Amino acid sequence: MSLDALGISKELLIFDIIYLSVMLLLIFLFIFLGIQAFAIGGGFGSVINSIMAVGAGTGAKQGSENKEEKTKPDTVKKCVKENKEILESASL
């Protein structure tokens, strides 16, 4: 019922799940082929693998910053209020 109100049919939902599953498999394939391409022995392969690990760690750290700002009570209350106004609006 609520999916109909949002304009989402059962067929569209199935299509999206299949599409996203294929995209996820392609991402994994890309990652594994990339690892295999740089998994050569020797000093060069070690340097490349180390750089990849440092890059992944840096990206993970940048993604985890500023979580305290998002979880402050005032920010959460503001988000809840905005969502409540959207849900209670007559446009739905």
PDB file of N, CA and C in Angstrom:
ATOM      1  N   MET A   1       0.819  -1.187   0.000  1.00  0.00           N
ATOM      2  CA  MET A   1       0.000   0.000   0.000  1.00  0.00           C
ATOM      3  C   MET A   1       0.867   1.257   0.000  1.00  0.00           C
ATOM      4  N   SER A   2       1.823   1.340   0.904  1.00  0.00           N
ATOM      5  CA  SER A   2       2.655   2.536   0.962  1.00  0.00           C
ATOM      6  C   SER A   2       3.564   2.622  -0.257  1.00  0.00           C
ATOM      7  N   LEU A   3       3.936   1.488  -0.833  1.00  0.00           N
ATOM      8  CA  LEU A   3       4.746   1.524  -2.047  1.00  0.00           C
ATOM      9  C   LEU A   3       3.943   2.085  -3.211  1.00  0.00           C
ATOM     10  N   ASP A   4       2.659   1.764  -3.278  1.00  0.00           N
ATOM     11  CA  ASP A   4       1.796   2.317  -4.322  1.00  0.00           C
ATOM     12  C   ASP A   4       1.701   3.832  -4.203  1.00  0.00           C
ATOM     13  N   ALA A   5       1.639   4.328  -2.993  1.00  0.00           N
ATOM     14  CA  ALA A   5       1.570   5.773  -2.779  1.00  0.00           C
ATOM     15  C   ALA A   5       2.837   6.470  -3.252  1.00  0.00           C
ATOM     16  N   LEU A   6       3.959   5.762  -3.191  1.00  0.00           N
ATOM     17  CA  LEU A   6       5.226   6.329  -3.649  1.00  0.00           C
ATOM     18  C   LEU A   6       5.462   6.091  -5.133  1.00  0.00           C
ATOM     19  N   GLY A   7       4.591   5.340  -5.773  1.00  0.00           N
ATOM     20  CA  GLY A   7       4.740   5.073  -7.201  1.00  0.00           C
ATOM     21  C   GLY A   7       5.714   3.959  -7.510  1.00  0.00           C
ATOM     22  N   ILE A   8       5.887   3.028  -6.584  1.00  0.00           N
ATOM     23  CA  ILE A   8       6.816   1.917  -6.771  1.00  0.00           C
ATOM     24  C   ILE A   8       6.010   0.638  -6.924  1.00  0.00           C
ATOM     25  N   SER A   9       6.170  -0.014  -8.064  1.00  0.00           N
ATOM     26  CA  SER A   9       5.453  -1.262  -8.296  1.00  0.00           C
ATOM     27  C   SER A   9       6.336  -2.446  -7.905  1.00  0.00           C
ATOM     28  N   LYS A  10       5.727  -3.604  -7.830  1.00  0.00           N
ATOM     29  CA  LYS A  10       6.458  -4.824  -7.489  1.00  0.00           C
ATOM     30  C   LYS A  10       7.510  -5.131  -8.563  1.00  0.00           C
ATOM     31  N   GLU A  11       7.155  -4.910  -9.830  1.00  0.00           N
ATOM     32  CA  GLU A  11       8.082  -5.170 -10.928  1.00  0.00           C
ATOM     33  C   GLU A  11       9.285  -4.233 -10.866  1.00  0.00           C
ATOM     34  N   LEU A  12       9.037  -2.954 -10.549  1.00  0.00           N
ATOM     35  CA  LEU A  12      10.128  -1.993 -10.443  1.00  0.00           C
ATOM     36  C   LEU A  12      11.060  -2.355  -9.298  1.00  0.00           C
ATOM     37  N   LEU A  13      10.504  -2.804  -8.201  1.00  0.00           N
ATOM     38  CA  LEU A  13      11.302  -3.201  -7.054  1.00  0.00           C
ATOM     39  C   LEU A  13      12.180  -4.404  -7.388  1.00  0.00           C
ATOM     40  N   ILE A  14      11.616  -5.399  -8.070  1.00  0.00           N
ATOM     41  CA  ILE A  14      12.386  -6.576  -8.477  1.00  0.00           C
ATOM     42  C   ILE A  14      13.491  -6.178  -9.449  1.00  0.00           C
ATOM     43  N   PHE A  15      13.160  -5.321 -10.417  1.00  0.00           N
ATOM     44  CA  PHE A  15      14.157  -4.855 -11.387  1.00  0.00           C
ATOM     45  C   PHE A  15      15.301  -4.135 -10.678  1.00  0.00           C
ATOM     46  N   ASP A  16      14.974  -3.255  -9.725  1.00  0.00           N
ATOM     47  CA  ASP A  16      16.013  -2.518  -9.006  1.00  0.00           C
ATOM     48  C   ASP A  16      16.910  -3.446  -8.198  1.00  0.00           C
ATOM     49  N   ILE A  17      16.329  -4.455  -7.561  1.00  0.00           N
ATOM     50  CA  ILE A  17      17.136  -5.402  -6.774  1.00  0.00           C
ATOM     51  C   ILE A  17      18.075  -6.177  -7.681  1.00  0.00           C
ATOM     52  N   ILE A  18      17.586  -6.639  -8.824  1.00  0.00           N
ATOM     53  CA  ILE A  18      18.440  -7.374  -9.766  1.00  0.00           C
ATOM     54  C   ILE A  18      19.530  -6.456 -10.312  1.00  0.00           C
ATOM     55  N   TYR A  19      19.164  -5.233 -10.685  1.00  0.00           N
ATOM     56  CA  TYR A  19      20.125  -4.272 -11.231  1.00  0.00           C
ATOM     57  C   TYR A  19      21.220  -3.973 -10.209  1.00  0.00           C
ATOM     58  N   LEU A  20      20.837  -3.690  -8.972  1.00  0.00           N
ATOM     59  CA  LEU A  20      21.829  -3.376  -7.939  1.00  0.00           C
ATOM     60  C   LEU A  20      22.698  -4.583  -7.603  1.00  0.00           C
ATOM     61  N   SER A  21      22.137  -5.790  -7.657  1.00  0.00           N
ATOM     62  CA  SER A  21      22.937  -6.994  -7.423  1.00  0.00           C
ATOM     63  C   SER A  21      23.990  -7.170  -8.510  1.00  0.00           C
ATOM     64  N   VAL A  22      23.611  -6.924  -9.754  1.00  0.00           N
ATOM     65  CA  VAL A  22      24.573  -7.022 -10.855  1.00  0.00           C
ATOM     66  C   VAL A  22      25.667  -5.960 -10.701  1.00  0.00           C
ATOM     67  N   MET A  23      25.277  -4.746 -10.330  1.00  0.00           N
ATOM     68  CA  MET A  23      26.272  -3.690 -10.136  1.00  0.00           C
ATOM     69  C   MET A  23      27.234  -4.040  -9.005  1.00  0.00           C
ATOM     70  N   LEU A  24      26.721  -4.619  -7.932  1.00  0.00           N
ATOM     71  CA  LEU A  24      27.577  -5.033  -6.821  1.00  0.00           C
ATOM     72  C   LEU A  24      28.560  -6.109  -7.269  1.00  0.00           C
ATOM     73  N   LEU A  25      28.091  -7.068  -8.051  1.00  0.00           N
ATOM     74  CA  LEU A  25      28.987  -8.103  -8.572  1.00  0.00           C
ATOM     75  C   LEU A  25      30.058  -7.506  -9.477  1.00  0.00           C
ATOM     76  N   LEU A  26      29.692  -6.525 -10.290  1.00  0.00           N
ATOM     77  CA  LEU A  26      30.672  -5.879 -11.161  1.00  0.00           C
ATOM     78  C   LEU A  26      31.720  -5.102 -10.355  1.00  0.00           C
ATOM     79  N   ILE A  27      31.292  -4.475  -9.273  1.00  0.00           N
ATOM     80  CA  ILE A  27      32.241  -3.765  -8.414  1.00  0.00           C
ATOM     81  C   ILE A  27      33.223  -4.751  -7.794  1.00  0.00           C
ATOM     82  N   PHE A  28      32.718  -5.879  -7.284  1.00  0.00           N
ATOM     83  CA  PHE A  28      33.615  -6.890  -6.722  1.00  0.00           C
ATOM     84  C   PHE A  28      34.566  -7.435  -7.777  1.00  0.00           C
ATOM     85  N   LEU A  29      34.061  -7.671  -8.972  1.00  0.00           N
ATOM     86  CA  LEU A  29      34.901  -8.156 -10.061  1.00  0.00           C
ATOM     87  C   LEU A  29      36.019  -7.153 -10.356  1.00  0.00           C
ATOM     88  N   PHE A  30      35.672  -5.875 -10.404  1.00  0.00           N
ATOM     89  CA  PHE A  30      36.667  -4.837 -10.635  1.00  0.00           C
ATOM     90  C   PHE A  30      37.733  -4.835  -9.540  1.00  0.00           C
ATOM     91  N   ILE A  31      37.298  -4.935  -8.297  1.00  0.00           N
ATOM     92  CA  ILE A  31      38.247  -4.926  -7.176  1.00  0.00           C
ATOM     93  C   ILE A  31      39.170  -6.140  -7.238  1.00  0.00           C
ATOM     94  N   PHE A  32      38.596  -7.319  -7.448  1.00  0.00           N
ATOM     95  CA  PHE A  32      39.422  -8.528  -7.476  1.00  0.00           C
ATOM     96  C   PHE A  32      40.378  -8.534  -8.658  1.00  0.00           C
ATOM     97  N   LEU A  33      39.950  -8.063  -9.815  1.00  0.00           N
ATOM     98  CA  LEU A  33      40.860  -7.982 -10.956  1.00  0.00           C
ATOM     99  C   LEU A  33      41.959  -6.958 -10.716  1.00  0.00           C
ATOM    100  N   GLY A  34      41.612  -5.854 -10.052  1.00  0.00           N
ATOM    101  CA  GLY A  34      42.619  -4.849  -9.713  1.00  0.00           C
ATOM    102  C   GLY A  34      43.653  -5.391  -8.739  1.00  0.00           C
ATOM    103  N   ILE A  35      43.200  -6.144  -7.759  1.00  0.00           N
ATOM    104  CA  ILE A  35      44.139  -6.748  -6.805  1.00  0.00           C
ATOM    105  C   ILE A  35      45.032  -7.758  -7.507  1.00  0.00           C
ATOM    106  N   GLN A  36      44.435  -8.552  -8.376  1.00  0.00           N
ATOM    107  CA  GLN A  36      45.212  -9.552  -9.102  1.00  0.00           C
ATOM    108  C   GLN A  36      46.249  -8.887 -10.013  1.00  0.00           C
ATOM    109  N   ALA A  37      45.900  -7.759 -10.611  1.00  0.00           N
ATOM    110  CA  ALA A  37      46.820  -7.069 -11.507  1.00  0.00           C
ATOM    111  C   ALA A  37      48.043  -6.542 -10.761  1.00  0.00           C
ATOM    112  N   PHE A  38      47.864  -6.142  -9.514  1.00  0.00           N
ATOM    113  CA  PHE A  38      48.973  -5.589  -8.745  1.00  0.00           C
ATOM    114  C   PHE A  38      49.582  -6.600  -7.775  1.00  0.00           C
ATOM    115  N   ALA A  39      49.200  -7.852  -7.864  1.00  0.00           N
ATOM    116  CA  ALA A  39      49.718  -8.874  -6.950  1.00  0.00           C
ATOM    117  C   ALA A  39      50.963  -9.542  -7.529  1.00  0.00           C
ATOM    118  N   ILE A  40      51.828  -8.723  -8.096  1.00  0.00           N
ATOM    119  CA  ILE A  40      53.071  -9.264  -8.644  1.00  0.00           C
ATOM    120  C   ILE A  40      54.121  -9.293  -7.548  1.00  0.00           C
ATOM    121  N   GLY A  41      55.006 -10.231  -7.651  1.00  0.00           N
ATOM    122  CA  GLY A  41      56.050 -10.354  -6.651  1.00  0.00           C
ATOM    123  C   GLY A  41      57.107  -9.280  -6.820  1.00  0.00           C
ATOM    124  N   GLY A  42      57.905  -9.089  -5.812  1.00  0.00           N
ATOM    125  CA  GLY A  42      59.003  -8.140  -5.894  1.00  0.00           C
ATOM    126  C   GLY A  42      58.713  -6.845  -5.171  1.00  0.00           C
ATOM    127  N   GLY A  43      59.672  -5.936  -5.289  1.00  0.00           N
ATOM    128  CA  GLY A  43      59.580  -4.661  -4.595  1.00  0.00           C
ATOM    129  C   GLY A  43      58.489  -3.763  -5.140  1.00  0.00           C
ATOM    130  N   PHE A  44      58.322  -3.752  -6.465  1.00  0.00           N
ATOM    131  CA  PHE A  44      57.315  -2.881  -7.064  1.00  0.00           C
ATOM    132  C   PHE A  44      55.917  -3.262  -6.611  1.00  0.00           C
ATOM    133  N   GLY A  45      55.609  -4.537  -6.611  1.00  0.00           N
ATOM    134  CA  GLY A  45      54.298  -4.996  -6.169  1.00  0.00           C
ATOM    135  C   GLY A  45      54.049  -4.662  -4.710  1.00  0.00           C
ATOM    136  N   SER A  46      55.082  -4.760  -3.882  1.00  0.00           N
ATOM    137  CA  SER A  46      54.939  -4.430  -2.463  1.00  0.00           C
ATOM    138  C   SER A  46      54.635  -2.950  -2.269  1.00  0.00           C
ATOM    139  N   VAL A  47      55.316  -2.102  -3.039  1.00  0.00           N
ATOM    140  CA  VAL A  47      55.079  -0.662  -2.934  1.00  0.00           C
ATOM    141  C   VAL A  47      53.654  -0.326  -3.367  1.00  0.00           C
ATOM    142  N   ILE A  48      53.213  -0.892  -4.479  1.00  0.00           N
ATOM    143  CA  ILE A  48      51.864  -0.621  -4.977  1.00  0.00           C
ATOM    144  C   ILE A  48      50.818  -1.083  -3.968  1.00  0.00           C
ATOM    145  N   ASN A  49      50.980  -2.275  -3.412  1.00  0.00           N
ATOM    146  CA  ASN A  49      50.019  -2.788  -2.426  1.00  0.00           C
ATOM    147  C   ASN A  49      50.008  -1.937  -1.167  1.00  0.00           C
ATOM    148  N   SER A  50      51.161  -1.433  -0.757  1.00  0.00           N
ATOM    149  CA  SER A  50      51.225  -0.561   0.422  1.00  0.00           C
ATOM    150  C   SER A  50      50.514   0.755   0.161  1.00  0.00           C
ATOM    151  N   ILE A  51      50.711   1.309  -1.036  1.00  0.00           N
ATOM    152  CA  ILE A  51      50.042   2.564  -1.382  1.00  0.00           C
ATOM    153  C   ILE A  51      48.529   2.365  -1.408  1.00  0.00           C
ATOM    154  N   MET A  52      48.086   1.237  -1.930  1.00  0.00           N
ATOM    155  CA  MET A  52      46.649   0.964  -1.968  1.00  0.00           C
ATOM    156  C   MET A  52      46.083   0.855  -0.556  1.00  0.00           C
ATOM    157  N   ALA A  53      46.811   0.223   0.359  1.00  0.00           N
ATOM    158  CA  ALA A  53      46.341   0.089   1.740  1.00  0.00           C
ATOM    159  C   ALA A  53      46.283   1.448   2.433  1.00  0.00           C
ATOM    160  N   VAL A  54      47.294   2.282   2.203  1.00  0.00           N
ATOM    161  CA  VAL A  54      47.306   3.623   2.802  1.00  0.00           C
ATOM    162  C   VAL A  54      46.142   4.447   2.250  1.00  0.00           C
ATOM    163  N   GLY A  55      45.904   4.356   0.957  1.00  0.00           N
ATOM    164  CA  GLY A  55      44.790   5.092   0.353  1.00  0.00           C
ATOM    165  C   GLY A  55      43.444   4.652   0.904  1.00  0.00           C
ATOM    166  N   ALA A  56      43.274   3.355   1.087  1.00  0.00           N
ATOM    167  CA  ALA A  56      42.016   2.847   1.632  1.00  0.00           C
ATOM    168  C   ALA A  56      41.823   3.310   3.076  1.00  0.00           C
ATOM    169  N   GLY A  57      42.888   3.296   3.849  1.00  0.00           N
ATOM    170  CA  GLY A  57      42.804   3.760   5.233  1.00  0.00           C
ATOM    171  C   GLY A  57      42.492   5.235   5.331  1.00  0.00           C
ATOM    172  N   THR A  58      43.100   6.028   4.453  1.00  0.00           N
ATOM    173  CA  THR A  58      42.840   7.466   4.439  1.00  0.00           C
ATOM    174  C   THR A  58      41.388   7.740   4.056  1.00  0.00           C
ATOM    175  N   GLY A  59      40.893   7.029   3.058  1.00  0.00           N
ATOM    176  CA  GLY A  59      39.499   7.208   2.656  1.00  0.00           C
ATOM    177  C   GLY A  59      38.531   6.811   3.752  1.00  0.00           C
ATOM    178  N   ALA A  60      38.840   5.738   4.462  1.00  0.00           N
ATOM    179  CA  ALA A  60      37.964   5.302   5.551  1.00  0.00           C
ATOM    180  C   ALA A  60      37.959   6.322   6.684  1.00  0.00           C
ATOM    181  N   LYS A  61      39.115   6.908   6.972  1.00  0.00           N
ATOM    182  CA  LYS A  61      39.184   7.908   8.037  1.00  0.00           C
ATOM    183  C   LYS A  61      38.408   9.156   7.669  1.00  0.00           C
ATOM    184  N   GLN A  62      38.525   9.602   6.432  1.00  0.00           N
ATOM    185  CA  GLN A  62      37.795  10.799   6.009  1.00  0.00           C
ATOM    186  C   GLN A  62      36.291  10.557   6.046  1.00  0.00           C
ATOM    187  N   GLY A  63      35.869   9.347   5.763  1.00  0.00           N
ATOM    188  CA  GLY A  63      34.449   9.039   5.800  1.00  0.00           C
ATOM    189  C   GLY A  63      33.889   8.998   7.205  1.00  0.00           C
ATOM    190  N   SER A  64      34.727   8.770   8.205  1.00  0.00           N
ATOM    191  CA  SER A  64      34.248   8.656   9.581  1.00  0.00           C
ATOM    192  C   SER A  64      34.290   9.978  10.333  1.00  0.00           C
ATOM    193  N   GLU A  65      34.841  11.033   9.736  1.00  0.00           N
ATOM    194  CA  GLU A  65      34.919  12.318  10.415  1.00  0.00           C
ATOM    195  C   GLU A  65      33.559  12.995  10.458  1.00  0.00           C
ATOM    196  N   ASN A  66      33.408  13.879  11.405  1.00  0.00           N
ATOM    197  CA  ASN A  66      32.238  14.744  11.539  1.00  0.00           C
ATOM    198  C   ASN A  66      30.966  13.981  11.894  1.00  0.00           C
ATOM    199  N   LYS A  67      31.080  12.821  12.517  1.00  0.00           N
ATOM    200  CA  LYS A  67      29.891  12.099  12.950  1.00  0.00           C
ATOM    201  C   LYS A  67      29.296  12.726  14.206  1.00  0.00           C
ATOM    202  N   GLU A  68      30.133  13.390  15.001  1.00  0.00           N
ATOM    203  CA  GLU A  68      29.625  14.001  16.220  1.00  0.00           C
ATOM    204  C   GLU A  68      28.639  15.115  15.900  1.00  0.00           C
ATOM    205  N   GLU A  69      28.911  15.867  14.847  1.00  0.00           N
ATOM    206  CA  GLU A  69      28.008  16.956  14.459  1.00  0.00           C
ATOM    207  C   GLU A  69      26.652  16.421  14.035  1.00  0.00           C
ATOM    208  N   LYS A  70      26.645  15.294  13.351  1.00  0.00           N
ATOM    209  CA  LYS A  70      25.396  14.727  12.851  1.00  0.00           C
ATOM    210  C   LYS A  70      24.546  14.106  13.947  1.00  0.00           C
ATOM    211  N   THR A  71      25.152  13.737  15.072  1.00  0.00           N
ATOM    212  CA  THR A  71      24.404  13.054  16.127  1.00  0.00           C
ATOM    213  C   THR A  71      24.111  13.954  17.323  1.00  0.00           C
ATOM    214  N   LYS A  72      24.334  15.245  17.184  1.00  0.00           N
ATOM    215  CA  LYS A  72      23.993  16.147  18.277  1.00  0.00           C
ATOM    216  C   LYS A  72      22.471  16.167  18.424  1.00  0.00           C
ATOM    217  N   PRO A  73      21.976  16.265  19.661  1.00  0.00           N
ATOM    218  CA  PRO A  73      20.522  16.226  19.867  1.00  0.00           C
ATOM    219  C   PRO A  73      19.755  17.295  19.087  1.00  0.00           C
ATOM    220  N   ASP A  74      20.307  18.507  18.992  1.00  0.00           N
ATOM    221  CA  ASP A  74      19.607  19.566  18.258  1.00  0.00           C
ATOM    222  C   ASP A  74      19.499  19.228  16.778  1.00  0.00           C
ATOM    223  N   THR A  75      20.561  18.658  16.211  1.00  0.00           N
ATOM    224  CA  THR A  75      20.552  18.292  14.797  1.00  0.00           C
ATOM    225  C   THR A  75      19.556  17.168  14.542  1.00  0.00           C
ATOM    226  N   VAL A  76      19.515  16.200  15.440  1.00  0.00           N
ATOM    227  CA  VAL A  76      18.591  15.076  15.292  1.00  0.00           C
ATOM    228  C   VAL A  76      17.147  15.568  15.413  1.00  0.00           C
ATOM    229  N   LYS A  77      16.887  16.439  16.383  1.00  0.00           N
ATOM    230  CA  LYS A  77      15.532  16.980  16.553  1.00  0.00           C
ATOM    231  C   LYS A  77      15.099  17.746  15.312  1.00  0.00           C
ATOM    232  N   LYS A  78      16.011  18.514  14.727  1.00  0.00           N
ATOM    233  CA  LYS A  78      15.688  19.279  13.525  1.00  0.00           C
ATOM    234  C   LYS A  78      15.342  18.343  12.366  1.00  0.00           C
ATOM    235  N   CYS A  79      16.121  17.275  12.192  1.00  0.00           N
ATOM    236  CA  CYS A  79      15.861  16.313  11.116  1.00  0.00           C
ATOM    237  C   CYS A  79      14.527  15.599  11.319  1.00  0.00           C
ATOM    238  N   VAL A  80      14.244  15.213  12.554  1.00  0.00           N
ATOM    239  CA  VAL A  80      12.978  14.538  12.850  1.00  0.00           C
ATOM    240  C   VAL A  80      11.809  15.472  12.574  1.00  0.00           C
ATOM    241  N   LYS A  81      11.941  16.746  12.970  1.00  0.00           N
ATOM    242  CA  LYS A  81      10.879  17.721  12.739  1.00  0.00           C
ATOM    243  C   LYS A  81      10.632  17.919  11.244  1.00  0.00           C
ATOM    244  N   GLU A  82      11.720  18.033  10.458  1.00  0.00           N
ATOM    245  CA  GLU A  82      11.571  18.203   9.011  1.00  0.00           C
ATOM    246  C   GLU A  82      10.885  16.993   8.381  1.00  0.00           C
ATOM    247  N   ASN A  83      11.291  15.798   8.785  1.00  0.00           N
ATOM    248  CA  ASN A  83      10.680  14.583   8.242  1.00  0.00           C
ATOM    249  C   ASN A  83       9.223  14.455   8.648  1.00  0.00           C
ATOM    250  N   LYS A  84       8.912  14.846   9.864  1.00  0.00           N
ATOM    251  CA  LYS A  84       7.529  14.792  10.326  1.00  0.00           C
ATOM    252  C   LYS A  84       6.656  15.747   9.520  1.00  0.00           C
ATOM    253  N   GLU A  85       7.187  16.942   9.224  1.00  0.00           N
ATOM    254  CA  GLU A  85       6.438  17.903   8.413  1.00  0.00           C
ATOM    255  C   GLU A  85       6.201  17.369   7.007  1.00  0.00           C
ATOM    256  N   ILE A  86       7.194  16.708   6.449  1.00  0.00           N
ATOM    257  CA  ILE A  86       7.048  16.130   5.111  1.00  0.00           C
ATOM    258  C   ILE A  86       5.983  15.050   5.115  1.00  0.00           C
ATOM    259  N   LEU A  87       6.016  14.159   6.115  1.00  0.00           N
ATOM    260  CA  LEU A  87       5.058  13.068   6.180  1.00  0.00           C
ATOM    261  C   LEU A  87       3.640  13.552   6.432  1.00  0.00           C
ATOM    262  N   GLU A  88       3.498  14.654   7.158  1.00  0.00           N
ATOM    263  CA  GLU A  88       2.174  15.156   7.472  1.00  0.00           C
ATOM    264  C   GLU A  88       1.640  16.131   6.426  1.00  0.00           C
ATOM    265  N   SER A  89       2.438  16.433   5.409  1.00  0.00           N
ATOM    266  CA  SER A  89       1.983  17.380   4.386  1.00  0.00           C
ATOM    267  C   SER A  89       0.906  16.742   3.520  1.00  0.00           C
ATOM    268  N   ALA A  90       0.107  17.579   2.908  1.00  0.00           N
ATOM    269  CA  ALA A  90      -1.012  17.102   2.084  1.00  0.00           C
ATOM    270  C   ALA A  90      -0.546  16.612   0.725  1.00  0.00           C
ATOM    271  N   SER A  91       0.706  16.866   0.348  1.00  0.00           N
ATOM    272  CA  SER A  91       1.175  16.465  -0.978  1.00  0.00           C
ATOM    273  C   SER A  91       1.392  14.958  -1.102  1.00  0.00           C
ATOM    274  N   LEU A  92       1.468  14.251   0.007  1.00  0.00           N
ATOM    275  CA  LEU A  92       1.596  12.796  -0.069  1.00  0.00           C
ATOM    276  C   LEU A  92       0.231  12.217  -0.287  1.00  0.00           C
TER     277      LEU A  92
END
